[in-house]
N, C-alpha and C. Protein backbone atom coordinates (compact mmCIF):
# COMPACT_ATOMS: atom_id res chain seq x y z
N MET A 1 -154.52 16.22 -151.04
CA MET A 1 -153.34 17.02 -151.22
C MET A 1 -152.08 16.22 -150.95
N LEU A 2 -152.12 15.42 -149.90
CA LEU A 2 -150.94 14.63 -149.56
C LEU A 2 -150.61 13.68 -150.71
N GLY A 3 -151.63 13.11 -151.32
CA GLY A 3 -151.42 12.21 -152.44
C GLY A 3 -150.81 12.91 -153.65
N ALA A 4 -151.21 14.14 -153.90
CA ALA A 4 -150.64 14.90 -155.01
C ALA A 4 -149.16 15.17 -154.79
N GLY A 5 -148.77 15.47 -153.56
CA GLY A 5 -147.37 15.70 -153.27
C GLY A 5 -146.54 14.44 -153.41
N VAL A 6 -147.08 13.33 -152.94
CA VAL A 6 -146.37 12.05 -153.07
C VAL A 6 -146.25 11.67 -154.54
N LEU A 7 -147.32 11.86 -155.30
CA LEU A 7 -147.28 11.58 -156.73
C LEU A 7 -146.26 12.45 -157.45
N ALA A 8 -146.20 13.73 -157.11
CA ALA A 8 -145.22 14.63 -157.72
C ALA A 8 -143.80 14.18 -157.41
N THR A 9 -143.57 13.73 -156.18
CA THR A 9 -142.24 13.24 -155.79
C THR A 9 -141.87 11.98 -156.57
N LEU A 10 -142.81 11.05 -156.68
CA LEU A 10 -142.53 9.82 -157.43
C LEU A 10 -142.25 10.12 -158.90
N LEU A 11 -143.04 11.01 -159.49
CA LEU A 11 -142.82 11.38 -160.88
C LEU A 11 -141.47 12.08 -161.06
N LEU A 12 -141.10 12.89 -160.09
CA LEU A 12 -139.82 13.60 -160.15
C LEU A 12 -138.67 12.62 -160.23
N PHE A 13 -138.70 11.60 -159.42
CA PHE A 13 -137.59 10.65 -159.39
C PHE A 13 -137.63 9.63 -160.52
N THR A 14 -138.80 9.39 -161.11
CA THR A 14 -138.89 8.35 -162.14
C THR A 14 -138.96 8.90 -163.56
N VAL A 15 -139.81 9.87 -163.80
CA VAL A 15 -140.11 10.32 -165.17
C VAL A 15 -139.48 11.67 -165.51
N LEU A 16 -139.40 12.56 -164.54
CA LEU A 16 -139.06 13.95 -164.83
C LEU A 16 -137.57 14.28 -164.72
N GLY A 17 -136.71 13.32 -164.84
CA GLY A 17 -135.28 13.58 -164.90
C GLY A 17 -134.50 13.42 -163.62
N GLY A 18 -135.18 13.21 -162.52
CA GLY A 18 -134.47 12.98 -161.27
C GLY A 18 -133.94 14.24 -160.62
N VAL A 19 -133.11 14.02 -159.59
CA VAL A 19 -132.57 15.12 -158.79
C VAL A 19 -131.08 14.90 -158.61
N THR A 20 -130.30 15.97 -158.74
CA THR A 20 -128.87 15.92 -158.43
C THR A 20 -128.62 16.70 -157.16
N HIS A 21 -127.37 16.89 -156.78
CA HIS A 21 -127.07 17.63 -155.56
C HIS A 21 -127.39 19.12 -155.70
N THR A 22 -127.60 19.60 -156.91
CA THR A 22 -127.95 21.01 -157.11
C THR A 22 -129.45 21.21 -157.33
N GLY A 23 -130.21 20.15 -157.43
CA GLY A 23 -131.66 20.27 -157.60
C GLY A 23 -132.16 19.42 -158.76
N ALA A 24 -133.35 19.72 -159.19
CA ALA A 24 -133.96 18.99 -160.30
C ALA A 24 -133.22 19.30 -161.60
N THR A 25 -133.31 18.39 -162.56
CA THR A 25 -132.56 18.56 -163.80
C THR A 25 -133.36 19.19 -164.93
N THR A 26 -134.68 19.27 -164.78
CA THR A 26 -135.50 19.85 -165.83
C THR A 26 -136.44 20.91 -165.24
N ASN A 27 -137.00 21.74 -166.09
CA ASN A 27 -137.97 22.73 -165.62
C ASN A 27 -139.21 22.07 -165.03
N THR A 28 -139.66 21.00 -165.66
CA THR A 28 -140.82 20.28 -165.14
C THR A 28 -140.48 19.64 -163.81
N GLY A 29 -139.25 19.20 -163.67
CA GLY A 29 -138.80 18.65 -162.39
C GLY A 29 -138.85 19.68 -161.28
N TRP A 30 -138.46 20.91 -161.59
CA TRP A 30 -138.54 21.98 -160.59
C TRP A 30 -139.98 22.26 -160.20
N PHE A 31 -140.88 22.20 -161.17
CA PHE A 31 -142.30 22.39 -160.86
C PHE A 31 -142.79 21.27 -159.94
N ALA A 32 -142.34 20.04 -160.19
CA ALA A 32 -142.72 18.92 -159.33
C ALA A 32 -142.16 19.11 -157.92
N VAL A 33 -140.96 19.67 -157.81
CA VAL A 33 -140.39 19.97 -156.49
C VAL A 33 -141.28 20.97 -155.75
N LEU A 34 -141.70 22.02 -156.44
CA LEU A 34 -142.57 23.02 -155.81
C LEU A 34 -143.90 22.42 -155.37
N VAL A 35 -144.48 21.59 -156.22
CA VAL A 35 -145.75 20.95 -155.87
C VAL A 35 -145.57 20.05 -154.66
N ALA A 36 -144.50 19.26 -154.66
CA ALA A 36 -144.26 18.35 -153.55
C ALA A 36 -144.01 19.11 -152.25
N LEU A 37 -143.23 20.18 -152.31
CA LEU A 37 -142.89 20.92 -151.09
C LEU A 37 -144.05 21.74 -150.54
N THR A 38 -145.07 21.96 -151.34
CA THR A 38 -146.25 22.66 -150.82
C THR A 38 -147.36 21.69 -150.45
N CYS A 39 -147.54 20.65 -151.23
CA CYS A 39 -148.66 19.73 -150.98
C CYS A 39 -148.40 18.77 -149.83
N ILE A 40 -147.17 18.31 -149.67
CA ILE A 40 -146.92 17.31 -148.62
C ILE A 40 -147.13 17.90 -147.22
N PRO A 41 -146.52 19.04 -146.86
CA PRO A 41 -146.77 19.57 -145.51
C PRO A 41 -148.23 20.01 -145.29
N PHE A 42 -148.80 20.70 -146.26
CA PHE A 42 -150.18 21.17 -146.10
C PHE A 42 -151.15 20.00 -146.08
N GLY A 43 -150.94 19.02 -146.95
CA GLY A 43 -151.79 17.84 -146.95
C GLY A 43 -151.65 17.03 -145.68
N GLY A 44 -150.44 16.95 -145.15
CA GLY A 44 -150.24 16.25 -143.88
C GLY A 44 -150.95 16.94 -142.74
N MET A 45 -150.91 18.27 -142.73
CA MET A 45 -151.62 19.03 -141.70
C MET A 45 -153.13 18.82 -141.80
N LEU A 46 -153.66 18.88 -143.03
CA LEU A 46 -155.09 18.67 -143.20
C LEU A 46 -155.51 17.26 -142.80
N LEU A 47 -154.68 16.27 -143.14
CA LEU A 47 -154.97 14.89 -142.75
C LEU A 47 -154.97 14.74 -141.23
N THR A 48 -154.00 15.36 -140.56
CA THR A 48 -153.92 15.29 -139.11
C THR A 48 -155.12 15.96 -138.45
N LEU A 49 -155.49 17.14 -138.94
CA LEU A 49 -156.65 17.83 -138.37
C LEU A 49 -157.95 17.07 -138.63
N GLY A 50 -158.08 16.51 -139.81
CA GLY A 50 -159.27 15.72 -140.12
C GLY A 50 -159.36 14.47 -139.26
N LEU A 51 -158.23 13.81 -139.05
CA LEU A 51 -158.22 12.62 -138.20
C LEU A 51 -158.55 12.98 -136.75
N ALA A 52 -158.03 14.10 -136.25
CA ALA A 52 -158.34 14.54 -134.89
C ALA A 52 -159.83 14.85 -134.75
N LYS A 53 -160.40 15.50 -135.76
CA LYS A 53 -161.82 15.83 -135.71
C LYS A 53 -162.67 14.55 -135.74
N TRP A 54 -162.27 13.59 -136.57
CA TRP A 54 -163.00 12.33 -136.64
C TRP A 54 -162.95 11.59 -135.31
N LEU A 55 -161.76 11.56 -134.68
CA LEU A 55 -161.62 10.88 -133.39
C LEU A 55 -162.44 11.57 -132.30
N ARG A 56 -162.47 12.91 -132.31
CA ARG A 56 -163.25 13.64 -131.31
C ARG A 56 -164.74 13.37 -131.48
N ARG A 57 -165.22 13.43 -132.73
CA ARG A 57 -166.65 13.16 -132.96
C ARG A 57 -167.00 11.73 -132.56
N ARG A 58 -166.08 10.81 -132.83
CA ARG A 58 -166.32 9.41 -132.48
C ARG A 58 -166.40 9.25 -130.96
N ARG A 59 -165.49 9.94 -130.23
CA ARG A 59 -165.48 9.86 -128.78
C ARG A 59 -166.75 10.49 -128.20
N LEU A 60 -167.19 11.63 -128.75
CA LEU A 60 -168.40 12.28 -128.26
C LEU A 60 -169.63 11.45 -128.55
N ARG A 61 -169.66 10.75 -129.67
CA ARG A 61 -170.80 9.92 -130.02
C ARG A 61 -170.90 8.72 -129.07
N ILE A 62 -169.75 8.17 -128.67
CA ILE A 62 -169.74 7.03 -127.76
C ILE A 62 -170.18 7.43 -126.37
N MET A 63 -169.84 8.65 -125.94
CA MET A 63 -170.17 9.12 -124.58
C MET A 63 -171.65 9.45 -124.43
N ARG A 64 -172.38 9.61 -125.49
CA ARG A 64 -173.81 9.97 -125.42
C ARG A 64 -174.65 8.87 -124.88
C-alpha cells in the first residue's frame, strides 16, 4: 500500500499535470491525490505494525 501511494505521488508530479496552489490540475491528478492521501498513511501504519510484529517474534524466538 505504501508503494502505491508513493507511486501515485510520483505520477502526479511527473505525468498527471502536477499540482498548483489550488490542487491538482486534472481529474486524473485529483484521483492520484486521493490514492496518495489514503494509501500513504494506511500503508505506513501497516508497515509499522508488521515490523513491530516481526521484531517481537524475532525477540521471542531468541529467548527460547
